[in-house]
């Protein structure tokens, strides 16, 4: 638990010394939510992450708040006003279009903090790479995150060899992950099972990360110099938890 998250937890359950321990006078308080509101205002004013590892840590802490139900209090009107003339996202996330994976929410991020690219099956192409290069070169994003999710419909389509209009070409991009999963030690995993689908989804993310490094010299050089980190993760739609892969 980070220092920030520890303070949030303490604010929700005040110590024996009362609110004065946090610098507030008792008569100024009406309930715990008032204290939390004041703290979240302070949290919003804190500096953004300044290194790739700090960005990853912010992702992990934000997701833990989401899982715990301790999301920051949002003031959308204020966030819109603060970002109407400029934006300073510190990461770009490639994720699936699945409606159960609201990227900013699962990481407890505000307006203006993330670039978000969404394609079924979180597949990568040259347009996606162009967006990532823009984010890291012209807007100082320090993390490129590819995030798949469990029970992905596009992955299921690839496993089942679905053919339908333009979807055929899309799921074809996921087929290498299907073939790798079939050739790996998957004893007991039926191709139509959720466990097999999730294995393919994980491999698909790993292959997307490889594709980014192989097909964007700009991003690869930035990662090699330590300016950015390129990594993968999987979101579990059953519990909201994001698992990050070892980079």
Protein backbone atom coordinates (compact mmCIF):
# COMPACT_ATOMS: atom_id res chain seq x y z
CA UNK A 1 0.00 0.00 0.00
CA UNK A 2 1.37 3.43 -0.96
CA UNK A 3 1.51 6.42 1.38
CA UNK A 4 -1.40 8.01 -0.50
CA UNK A 5 -3.57 4.93 -0.27
CA UNK A 6 -2.71 4.49 3.42
CA UNK A 7 -3.91 8.02 4.13
CA UNK A 8 -7.15 7.38 2.22
CA UNK A 9 -7.75 4.28 4.32
CA UNK A 10 -7.09 6.20 7.52
CA UNK A 11 -9.43 8.98 6.47
CA UNK A 12 -12.18 6.44 6.00
CA UNK A 13 -11.50 5.10 9.49
CA UNK A 14 -10.28 8.05 11.62
CA UNK A 15 -7.74 7.31 14.36
CA UNK A 16 -8.42 7.73 18.06
CA UNK A 17 -6.94 11.21 17.93
CA UNK A 18 -9.70 12.38 15.61
CA UNK A 19 -9.48 14.52 12.51
CA UNK A 20 -6.96 16.86 14.11
CA UNK A 21 -4.30 14.26 13.30
CA UNK A 22 -4.81 15.17 9.66
CA UNK A 23 -4.64 18.92 10.21
CA UNK A 24 -8.40 19.56 10.38
CA UNK A 25 -10.29 21.10 13.27
CA UNK A 26 -13.06 18.88 14.63
CA UNK A 27 -15.68 21.61 14.35
CA UNK A 28 -14.89 22.02 10.66
CA UNK A 29 -15.92 18.43 9.93
CA UNK A 30 -19.40 17.07 9.40
CA UNK A 31 -18.61 13.49 8.33
CA UNK A 32 -15.92 11.26 6.90
CA UNK A 33 -16.89 12.13 3.33
CA UNK A 34 -16.07 15.78 3.95
CA UNK A 35 -12.57 14.79 5.01
CA UNK A 36 -12.19 12.51 2.01
CA UNK A 37 -13.34 15.29 -0.30
CA UNK A 38 -10.67 17.62 1.10
CA UNK A 39 -8.01 14.98 0.75
CA UNK A 40 -8.95 14.12 -2.83
CA UNK A 41 -8.64 17.82 -3.70
CA UNK A 42 -5.10 17.61 -2.31
CA UNK A 43 -4.47 14.40 -4.24
CA UNK A 44 -5.52 16.04 -7.50
CA UNK A 45 -3.01 18.82 -6.96
CA UNK A 46 -0.06 16.46 -6.52
CA UNK A 47 2.60 16.29 -9.27
CA UNK A 48 2.10 13.81 -12.08
CA UNK A 49 4.39 10.76 -12.32
CA UNK A 50 7.79 11.76 -13.66
CA UNK A 51 9.35 8.40 -14.60
CA UNK A 52 8.10 5.32 -16.46
CA UNK A 53 8.24 3.29 -13.25
CA UNK A 54 6.23 5.92 -11.40
CA UNK A 55 3.60 5.71 -14.15
CA UNK A 56 3.38 1.94 -13.74
CA UNK A 57 3.06 2.38 -9.99
CA UNK A 58 0.28 4.93 -10.51
CA UNK A 59 -1.53 2.38 -12.68
CA UNK A 60 -1.20 -0.31 -10.01
CA UNK A 61 -2.31 1.94 -7.17
CA UNK A 62 -5.23 3.32 -9.18
CA UNK A 63 -6.42 -0.18 -10.05
CA UNK A 64 -6.18 -1.22 -6.42
CA UNK A 65 -8.38 1.72 -5.45
CA UNK A 66 -10.85 0.60 -8.13
CA UNK A 67 -10.88 -2.97 -6.82
CA UNK A 68 -11.26 -1.75 -3.23
CA UNK A 69 -14.01 0.72 -4.12
CA UNK A 70 -11.92 3.70 -2.99
CA UNK A 71 -11.98 5.75 -6.19
CA UNK A 72 -11.00 9.41 -6.10
CA UNK A 73 -13.90 11.82 -5.85
CA UNK A 74 -14.42 13.17 -9.36
CA UNK A 75 -15.24 16.75 -10.33
CA UNK A 76 -15.84 16.41 -14.06
CA UNK A 77 -16.70 20.05 -14.69
CA UNK A 78 -13.45 21.13 -13.08
CA UNK A 79 -11.47 18.50 -14.97
CA UNK A 80 -12.97 19.67 -18.27
CA UNK A 81 -12.08 23.27 -17.47
CA UNK A 82 -8.53 22.35 -16.48
CA UNK A 83 -7.89 20.44 -19.71
CA UNK A 84 -9.80 22.46 -22.29
CA UNK A 85 -6.67 24.28 -23.55
CA UNK A 86 -3.98 21.64 -23.02
CA UNK A 87 -3.44 18.05 -22.02
CA UNK A 88 -0.53 16.22 -20.41
CA UNK A 89 -1.23 12.47 -20.51
CA UNK A 90 1.54 10.39 -18.96
CA UNK A 91 0.66 7.11 -20.71
CA UNK A 92 -1.09 5.58 -23.71
CA UNK A 93 -3.18 2.44 -23.31
CA UNK A 94 -4.18 0.08 -26.11
CA UNK A 95 -7.17 -1.98 -25.02
CA UNK A 96 -10.17 -3.82 -26.40
CA UNK A 97 -13.49 -2.19 -27.29
CA UNK A 98 -15.30 -4.39 -24.74
CA UNK A 99 -17.86 -2.33 -22.82
CA UNK A 100 -16.84 -4.01 -19.56
CA UNK A 101 -13.34 -2.53 -19.70
CA UNK A 102 -13.59 1.24 -19.02
CA UNK A 103 -9.89 2.02 -19.08
CA UNK A 104 -9.78 5.35 -17.23
CA UNK A 105 -12.11 4.03 -14.55
CA UNK A 106 -10.28 0.77 -13.82
CA UNK A 107 -7.09 2.78 -13.27
CA UNK A 108 -8.86 5.60 -11.39
CA UNK A 109 -7.53 8.19 -13.83
CA UNK A 110 -8.97 11.60 -14.59
CA UNK A 111 -9.70 13.46 -17.80
CA UNK A 112 -6.43 14.39 -19.50
CA UNK A 113 -4.22 11.75 -17.86
CA UNK A 114 -4.35 8.96 -20.47
CA UNK A 115 -4.34 8.51 -24.21
CA UNK A 116 -6.71 5.63 -24.94
CA UNK A 117 -6.72 3.53 -28.13
CA UNK A 118 -9.41 0.86 -28.38
CA UNK A 119 -9.68 -1.89 -30.99
CA UNK A 120 -11.38 -5.27 -30.77
CA UNK A 121 -8.83 -7.77 -29.50
CA UNK A 122 -6.42 -4.90 -28.75
CA UNK A 123 -4.74 -5.58 -32.10
CA UNK A 124 -1.88 -3.42 -33.33
CA UNK A 125 -1.39 -1.90 -36.77
CA UNK A 126 0.58 1.03 -38.23
CA UNK A 127 -2.16 3.51 -37.29
CA UNK A 128 -1.99 2.40 -33.67
CA UNK A 129 1.80 2.67 -33.76
CA UNK A 130 1.49 6.19 -35.13
CA UNK A 131 -0.71 7.16 -32.20
CA UNK A 132 1.78 5.67 -29.75
CA UNK A 133 4.65 7.53 -31.39
CA UNK A 134 2.69 10.77 -31.18
CA UNK A 135 1.89 10.19 -27.52
CA UNK A 136 5.47 9.46 -26.50
CA UNK A 137 7.25 11.99 -28.70
CA UNK A 138 4.95 15.01 -28.81
CA UNK A 139 3.07 14.67 -25.54
CA UNK A 140 5.65 13.13 -23.19
CA UNK A 141 3.75 9.92 -22.39
CA UNK A 142 6.18 7.64 -20.58
CA UNK A 143 4.34 4.33 -20.71
CA UNK A 144 2.85 2.28 -23.56
CA UNK A 145 0.49 -0.28 -22.07
CA UNK A 146 -1.24 -3.05 -24.03
CA UNK A 147 -4.11 -4.42 -21.96
CA UNK A 148 -6.15 -7.47 -22.89
CA UNK A 149 -8.98 -8.91 -20.83
CA UNK A 150 -10.55 -12.20 -19.88
CA UNK A 151 -13.36 -13.76 -21.93
CA UNK A 152 -12.54 -11.56 -24.92
CA UNK A 153 -15.05 -11.91 -27.75
CA UNK A 154 -12.51 -11.12 -30.47
CA UNK A 155 -10.19 -13.80 -29.12
CA UNK A 156 -13.07 -16.27 -29.04
CA UNK A 157 -13.75 -15.37 -32.66
CA UNK A 158 -10.14 -16.14 -33.58
CA UNK A 159 -10.27 -19.48 -31.78
CA UNK A 160 -13.51 -20.36 -33.60
CA UNK A 161 -12.23 -19.20 -37.02
CA UNK A 162 -15.04 -16.67 -37.38
CA UNK A 163 -15.47 -15.11 -40.81
CA UNK A 164 -17.71 -12.07 -41.18
CA UNK A 165 -17.05 -8.96 -43.25
CA UNK A 166 -14.10 -6.93 -42.04
CA UNK A 167 -14.06 -8.87 -38.79
CA UNK A 168 -12.36 -11.70 -40.69
CA UNK A 169 -9.21 -9.64 -41.22
CA UNK A 170 -9.21 -8.45 -37.62
CA UNK A 171 -9.42 -11.88 -35.97
CA UNK A 172 -6.77 -13.12 -38.40
CA UNK A 173 -4.32 -10.88 -36.55
CA UNK A 174 -5.03 -12.88 -33.38
CA UNK A 175 -4.55 -16.29 -35.04
CA UNK A 176 -0.78 -16.49 -34.31
CA UNK A 177 -1.63 -16.37 -30.60
CA UNK A 178 -4.18 -19.15 -31.08
CA UNK A 179 -1.62 -21.35 -32.83
CA UNK A 180 0.98 -20.71 -30.14
CA UNK A 181 -1.50 -21.60 -27.43
CA UNK A 182 -2.41 -24.84 -29.21
CA UNK A 183 1.25 -25.80 -29.55
CA UNK A 184 2.08 -25.02 -25.91
CA UNK A 185 1.56 -27.28 -22.92
CA UNK A 186 -2.19 -26.80 -22.53
CA UNK A 187 -3.13 -30.26 -21.29
CA UNK A 188 -6.70 -30.22 -20.02
CA UNK A 189 -7.63 -26.95 -21.73
CA UNK A 190 -10.39 -27.28 -24.27
CA UNK A 191 -10.12 -24.79 -27.18
CA UNK A 192 -13.66 -23.56 -26.49
CA UNK A 193 -13.10 -23.03 -22.75
CA UNK A 194 -12.69 -19.69 -20.98
CA UNK A 195 -9.29 -20.83 -19.68
CA UNK A 196 -8.03 -21.43 -23.22
CA UNK A 197 -9.50 -18.12 -24.41
CA UNK A 198 -7.71 -16.30 -21.58
CA UNK A 199 -4.43 -18.04 -22.42
CA UNK A 200 -4.76 -16.91 -26.04
CA UNK A 201 -5.63 -13.41 -24.81
CA UNK A 202 -2.47 -13.27 -22.72
CA UNK A 203 -0.30 -14.51 -25.59
CA UNK A 204 -1.99 -12.00 -27.90
CA UNK A 205 -0.97 -9.17 -25.57
CA UNK A 206 2.61 -10.44 -25.43
CA UNK A 207 2.73 -10.63 -29.22
CA UNK A 208 1.34 -7.08 -29.46
CA UNK A 209 4.17 -5.84 -27.23
CA UNK A 210 6.68 -7.68 -29.44
CA UNK A 211 5.07 -6.19 -32.55
CA UNK A 212 5.41 -2.67 -31.14
CA UNK A 213 9.10 -3.12 -30.43
CA UNK A 214 9.81 -4.75 -33.79
CA UNK A 215 7.83 -2.34 -35.97
CA UNK A 216 8.48 1.01 -34.31
CA UNK A 217 12.19 1.88 -34.15
CA UNK A 218 11.21 5.15 -32.47
CA UNK A 219 9.45 3.45 -29.56
CA UNK A 220 12.12 0.76 -29.27
CA UNK A 221 14.88 3.37 -29.01
CA UNK A 222 12.94 5.31 -26.38
CA UNK A 223 12.49 2.16 -24.33
CA UNK A 224 16.15 1.17 -24.65
CA UNK A 225 17.18 4.63 -23.44
CA UNK A 226 14.83 4.42 -20.46
CA UNK A 227 12.56 7.24 -21.63
CA UNK A 228 9.50 4.98 -21.78
CA UNK A 229 8.37 1.51 -20.79
CA UNK A 230 6.37 -0.79 -23.06
CA UNK A 231 4.45 -3.46 -21.20
CA UNK A 232 1.43 -5.75 -21.21
CA UNK A 233 -1.37 -6.54 -18.80
CA UNK A 234 -4.63 -8.45 -18.49
CA UNK A 235 -7.87 -7.16 -16.96
CA UNK A 236 -10.09 -9.70 -15.21
CA UNK A 237 -13.72 -8.81 -15.94
CA UNK A 238 -14.87 -10.94 -12.98
CA UNK A 239 -13.15 -8.91 -10.26
CA UNK A 240 -11.70 -5.74 -11.84
CA UNK A 241 -8.08 -6.69 -11.15
CA UNK A 242 -5.34 -5.81 -13.63
CA UNK A 243 -2.34 -8.16 -13.71
CA UNK A 244 0.80 -6.66 -15.18
CA UNK A 245 3.27 -8.88 -17.04
CA UNK A 246 6.97 -8.93 -16.20
CA UNK A 247 8.59 -6.55 -18.65
